Amino acid sequence: VVNPADIATGGSMAENYEGVLVKVENVTVTDEDLDYGQWEVTGGLIMDDLFYGYTPTLGEGFASITGCLYYGFDDFKLEPRDAGDLVNN
């Protein structure tokens, strides 16, 4: 379990967790459409659809999101693997 801001682009632990399966807890959707299937949660952490696509709503809350931390196109992104990785409040 990691702090979303720590693994977001520019976060102090982002490079350390690249390629690692991580979990963030108690996050809210802060931007539901960053284009290309990407969206953002608390702490500026970008979610992406490399393995599993999901369409969130602004303000939607999650008890937890699990995924592999991926780096691409100059950003760190959390990549949920399937619907089970997204646990709503």
C-alpha atoms as a PDB file:
ATOM      1  CA  VAL A   1       0.000   0.000   0.000  1.00  0.00           C
ATOM      2  CA  VAL A   2       1.473   3.333  -1.079  1.00  0.00           C
ATOM      3  CA  ASN A   3       0.480   6.990  -0.987  1.00  0.00           C
ATOM      4  CA  PRO A   4      -0.831   7.977  -4.462  1.00  0.00           C
ATOM      5  CA  ALA A   5       1.131  11.260  -4.492  1.00  0.00           C
ATOM      6  CA  ASP A   6       4.370   9.345  -3.810  1.00  0.00           C
ATOM      7  CA  ILE A   7       4.034   7.253  -6.986  1.00  0.00           C
ATOM      8  CA  ALA A   8       2.473   9.878  -9.267  1.00  0.00           C
ATOM      9  CA  THR A   9       4.635  11.649 -11.829  1.00  0.00           C
ATOM     10  CA  GLY A  10       7.207  13.617  -9.850  1.00  0.00           C
ATOM     11  CA  GLY A  11       6.492  11.622  -6.691  1.00  0.00           C
ATOM     12  CA  SER A  12       9.350  10.755  -4.378  1.00  0.00           C
ATOM     13  CA  MET A  13       8.856   6.974  -4.727  1.00  0.00           C
ATOM     14  CA  ALA A  14       7.677   6.686  -8.339  1.00  0.00           C
ATOM     15  CA  GLU A  15      10.895   5.295  -9.809  1.00  0.00           C
ATOM     16  CA  ASN A  16      11.318   2.863  -6.913  1.00  0.00           C
ATOM     17  CA  TYR A  17       7.907   1.309  -7.618  1.00  0.00           C
ATOM     18  CA  GLU A  18       8.054   1.255 -11.429  1.00  0.00           C
ATOM     19  CA  GLY A  19       7.004  -2.221 -12.601  1.00  0.00           C
ATOM     20  CA  VAL A  20       5.732  -3.175  -9.127  1.00  0.00           C
ATOM     21  CA  LEU A  21       2.211  -4.248  -8.183  1.00  0.00           C
ATOM     22  CA  VAL A  22       0.947  -1.606  -5.730  1.00  0.00           C
ATOM     23  CA  LYS A  23      -2.284  -0.572  -4.029  1.00  0.00           C
ATOM     24  CA  VAL A  24      -3.597   2.902  -3.226  1.00  0.00           C
ATOM     25  CA  GLU A  25      -6.439   3.368  -0.763  1.00  0.00           C
ATOM     26  CA  ASN A  26      -9.222   5.900  -0.192  1.00  0.00           C
ATOM     27  CA  VAL A  27      -8.856   7.814  -3.455  1.00  0.00           C
ATOM     28  CA  THR A  28     -11.343   9.923  -5.411  1.00  0.00           C
ATOM     29  CA  VAL A  29     -11.537  10.630  -9.143  1.00  0.00           C
ATOM     30  CA  THR A  30     -10.289  14.199  -9.671  1.00  0.00           C
ATOM     31  CA  ASP A  31     -10.329  14.148 -13.496  1.00  0.00           C
ATOM     32  CA  GLU A  32     -12.393  11.548 -15.344  1.00  0.00           C
ATOM     33  CA  ASP A  33     -10.953  12.133 -18.827  1.00  0.00           C
ATOM     34  CA  LEU A  34      -7.280  12.794 -19.547  1.00  0.00           C
ATOM     35  CA  ASP A  35      -7.753  11.325 -23.061  1.00  0.00           C
ATOM     36  CA  TYR A  36      -6.502   7.969 -24.336  1.00  0.00           C
ATOM     37  CA  GLY A  37      -8.356   6.041 -21.612  1.00  0.00           C
ATOM     38  CA  GLN A  38      -6.554   7.809 -18.785  1.00  0.00           C
ATOM     39  CA  TRP A  39      -8.044   9.415 -15.670  1.00  0.00           C
ATOM     40  CA  GLU A  40      -6.714  10.879 -12.430  1.00  0.00           C
ATOM     41  CA  VAL A  41      -7.269  10.245  -8.733  1.00  0.00           C
ATOM     42  CA  THR A  42      -6.263  11.900  -5.469  1.00  0.00           C
ATOM     43  CA  GLY A  43      -2.600  12.891  -5.364  1.00  0.00           C
ATOM     44  CA  GLY A  44      -2.371  13.446  -9.120  1.00  0.00           C
ATOM     45  CA  LEU A  45      -1.975   9.723  -9.833  1.00  0.00           C
ATOM     46  CA  ILE A  46      -2.915   8.783 -13.389  1.00  0.00           C
ATOM     47  CA  MET A  47      -4.897   5.601 -14.069  1.00  0.00           C
ATOM     48  CA  ASP A  48      -4.510   4.012 -17.491  1.00  0.00           C
ATOM     49  CA  ASP A  49      -6.155   1.270 -19.540  1.00  0.00           C
ATOM     50  CA  LEU A  50      -3.157  -0.792 -20.667  1.00  0.00           C
ATOM     51  CA  PHE A  51      -4.679  -3.996 -19.206  1.00  0.00           C
ATOM     52  CA  TYR A  52      -8.230  -3.004 -18.264  1.00  0.00           C
ATOM     53  CA  GLY A  53     -10.401  -0.107 -19.384  1.00  0.00           C
ATOM     54  CA  TYR A  54     -12.727   1.649 -16.956  1.00  0.00           C
ATOM     55  CA  THR A  55     -14.830   4.786 -17.375  1.00  0.00           C
ATOM     56  CA  PRO A  56     -15.043   6.638 -14.049  1.00  0.00           C
ATOM     57  CA  THR A  57     -17.225   9.538 -12.960  1.00  0.00           C
ATOM     58  CA  LEU A  58     -15.869  12.726 -11.422  1.00  0.00           C
ATOM     59  CA  GLY A  59     -15.901  12.446  -7.634  1.00  0.00           C
ATOM     60  CA  GLU A  60     -16.243   8.652  -7.639  1.00  0.00           C
ATOM     61  CA  GLY A  61     -14.544   7.132  -4.622  1.00  0.00           C
ATOM     62  CA  PHE A  62     -12.524   3.955  -4.334  1.00  0.00           C
ATOM     63  CA  ALA A  63     -11.653   2.075  -1.170  1.00  0.00           C
ATOM     64  CA  SER A  64      -8.650   0.760  -3.099  1.00  0.00           C
ATOM     65  CA  ILE A  65      -7.144   0.450  -6.553  1.00  0.00           C
ATOM     66  CA  THR A  66      -4.454  -2.127  -7.263  1.00  0.00           C
ATOM     67  CA  GLY A  67      -2.265  -2.222 -10.335  1.00  0.00           C
ATOM     68  CA  CYS A  68       1.182  -2.279 -11.842  1.00  0.00           C
ATOM     69  CA  LEU A  69       2.989   1.074 -11.874  1.00  0.00           C
ATOM     70  CA  TYR A  70       4.005   1.821 -15.451  1.00  0.00           C
ATOM     71  CA  TYR A  71       6.064   4.633 -16.965  1.00  0.00           C
ATOM     72  CA  GLY A  72       5.249   5.860 -20.463  1.00  0.00           C
ATOM     73  CA  PHE A  73       4.963   9.128 -22.371  1.00  0.00           C
ATOM     74  CA  ASP A  74       6.738  10.992 -19.527  1.00  0.00           C
ATOM     75  CA  ASP A  75       4.207   9.963 -16.850  1.00  0.00           C
ATOM     76  CA  PHE A  76       3.896   7.286 -14.184  1.00  0.00           C
ATOM     77  CA  LYS A  77       0.527   5.520 -14.433  1.00  0.00           C
ATOM     78  CA  LEU A  78      -1.233   2.869 -12.399  1.00  0.00           C
ATOM     79  CA  GLU A  79      -2.485  -0.001 -14.565  1.00  0.00           C
ATOM     80  CA  PRO A  80      -5.344  -2.002 -12.988  1.00  0.00           C
ATOM     81  CA  ARG A  81      -5.400  -5.587 -14.305  1.00  0.00           C
ATOM     82  CA  ASP A  82      -9.133  -6.264 -14.200  1.00  0.00           C
ATOM     83  CA  ALA A  83     -12.397  -5.184 -12.532  1.00  0.00           C
ATOM     84  CA  GLY A  84     -11.335  -6.822  -9.262  1.00  0.00           C
ATOM     85  CA  ASP A  85      -8.533  -4.276  -8.870  1.00  0.00           C
ATOM     86  CA  LEU A  86     -11.056  -1.417  -8.554  1.00  0.00           C
ATOM     87  CA  VAL A  87     -12.866  -1.554  -5.198  1.00  0.00           C
ATOM     88  CA  ASN A  88     -15.530   1.157  -4.890  1.00  0.00           C
ATOM     89  CA  ASN A  89     -16.466   2.757  -1.572  1.00  0.00           C
END
